[in-house]
Amino acid sequence: MSIRLKVLSIMQQVAAEQEKPLAALTDQTVLADSGLDSLCFAIIVARLEDDLGVDPFTASDEVYFPVTFSDFVALYENAAAV
């Protein structure tokens, strides 16, 4: 499964578990408009770290917060490539 599909799958799972309406996720979807809250994103990041073995938010000295769904996916793709 590609990283993009893994991220999408986990986001859908967490939205369902937390009973949050998930917006249609396109590359341009702003994460703040996705329907997910900060708890959802914390769960997503933890699950992605378990599945992919990387947490791009702690793996770098640079502070970067993705804005769109494509930014979020790219963050994990780039971290996995290192």
Protein backbone atom coordinates (compact mmCIF):
# COMPACT_ATOMS: atom_id res chain seq x y z
CA MET A 1 0.00 0.00 0.00
CA SER A 2 1.38 3.41 -0.91
CA ILE A 3 1.98 6.01 1.77
CA ARG A 4 -0.79 8.16 0.30
CA LEU A 5 -3.30 5.32 0.56
CA LYS A 6 -2.09 4.46 4.08
CA VAL A 7 -2.58 8.08 5.21
CA LEU A 8 -6.02 8.24 3.60
CA SER A 9 -7.07 4.93 5.14
CA ILE A 10 -5.98 5.90 8.64
CA MET A 11 -7.65 9.30 8.36
CA GLN A 12 -10.91 7.61 7.35
CA GLN A 13 -10.64 5.09 10.20
CA VAL A 14 -9.99 7.76 12.81
CA ALA A 15 -12.82 9.96 11.51
CA ALA A 16 -15.22 7.02 11.82
CA GLU A 17 -13.97 6.05 15.29
CA GLN A 18 -14.20 9.63 16.55
CA GLU A 19 -17.56 10.14 14.81
CA LYS A 20 -16.28 13.11 12.81
CA PRO A 21 -17.61 13.90 9.34
CA LEU A 22 -14.62 13.70 7.03
CA ALA A 23 -14.58 16.06 4.05
CA ALA A 24 -13.70 14.71 0.64
CA LEU A 25 -9.91 14.68 0.66
CA THR A 26 -8.26 16.08 -2.43
CA ASP A 27 -4.73 17.37 -2.73
CA GLN A 28 -6.02 20.90 -2.12
CA THR A 29 -8.13 20.09 0.95
CA VAL A 30 -6.99 22.29 3.83
CA LEU A 31 -6.47 20.09 6.87
CA ALA A 32 -8.30 22.58 9.09
CA ASP A 33 -11.34 22.09 6.84
CA SER A 34 -11.13 18.28 6.81
CA GLY A 35 -13.57 17.80 9.68
CA LEU A 36 -10.87 16.37 11.94
CA ASP A 37 -9.78 18.00 15.18
CA SER A 38 -6.42 18.05 16.95
CA LEU A 39 -7.14 14.81 18.84
CA CYS A 40 -7.85 13.07 15.53
CA PHE A 41 -4.56 14.29 14.09
CA ALA A 42 -2.67 13.16 17.19
CA ILE A 43 -4.15 9.68 16.77
CA ILE A 44 -3.35 9.72 13.04
CA VAL A 45 0.27 10.72 13.63
CA ALA A 46 0.68 7.99 16.28
CA ARG A 47 -0.80 5.33 14.01
CA LEU A 48 1.30 6.41 11.05
CA GLU A 49 4.40 6.24 13.22
CA ASP A 50 3.45 2.69 14.22
CA ASP A 51 2.74 1.65 10.62
CA LEU A 52 5.52 3.51 8.82
CA GLY A 53 8.14 3.66 11.56
CA VAL A 54 8.65 7.39 11.19
CA ASP A 55 7.34 10.56 12.83
CA PRO A 56 8.31 13.45 10.55
CA PHE A 57 7.31 15.96 13.22
CA THR A 58 10.11 14.83 15.55
CA ALA A 59 12.55 13.51 12.94
CA SER A 60 13.65 16.97 11.87
CA ASP A 61 14.97 20.05 13.62
CA GLU A 62 12.89 22.16 11.25
CA VAL A 63 9.37 23.02 12.33
CA TYR A 64 6.93 22.51 9.50
CA PHE A 65 3.19 22.10 9.73
CA PRO A 66 1.41 20.89 6.60
CA VAL A 67 -1.56 22.92 5.42
CA THR A 68 -3.19 20.71 2.81
CA PHE A 69 -3.78 16.99 2.47
CA SER A 70 -1.06 16.79 -0.20
CA ASP A 71 1.37 18.59 2.15
CA PHE A 72 0.59 16.03 4.86
CA VAL A 73 1.13 13.08 2.52
CA ALA A 74 4.35 14.59 1.14
CA LEU A 75 5.68 15.05 4.68
CA TYR A 76 5.40 11.29 5.26
CA GLU A 77 6.66 10.38 1.80
CA ASN A 78 9.76 12.53 2.29
CA ALA A 79 10.38 11.21 5.81
CA ALA A 80 10.07 7.60 4.64
CA ALA A 81 12.54 8.21 1.82
CA VAL A 82 15.30 9.26 4.23
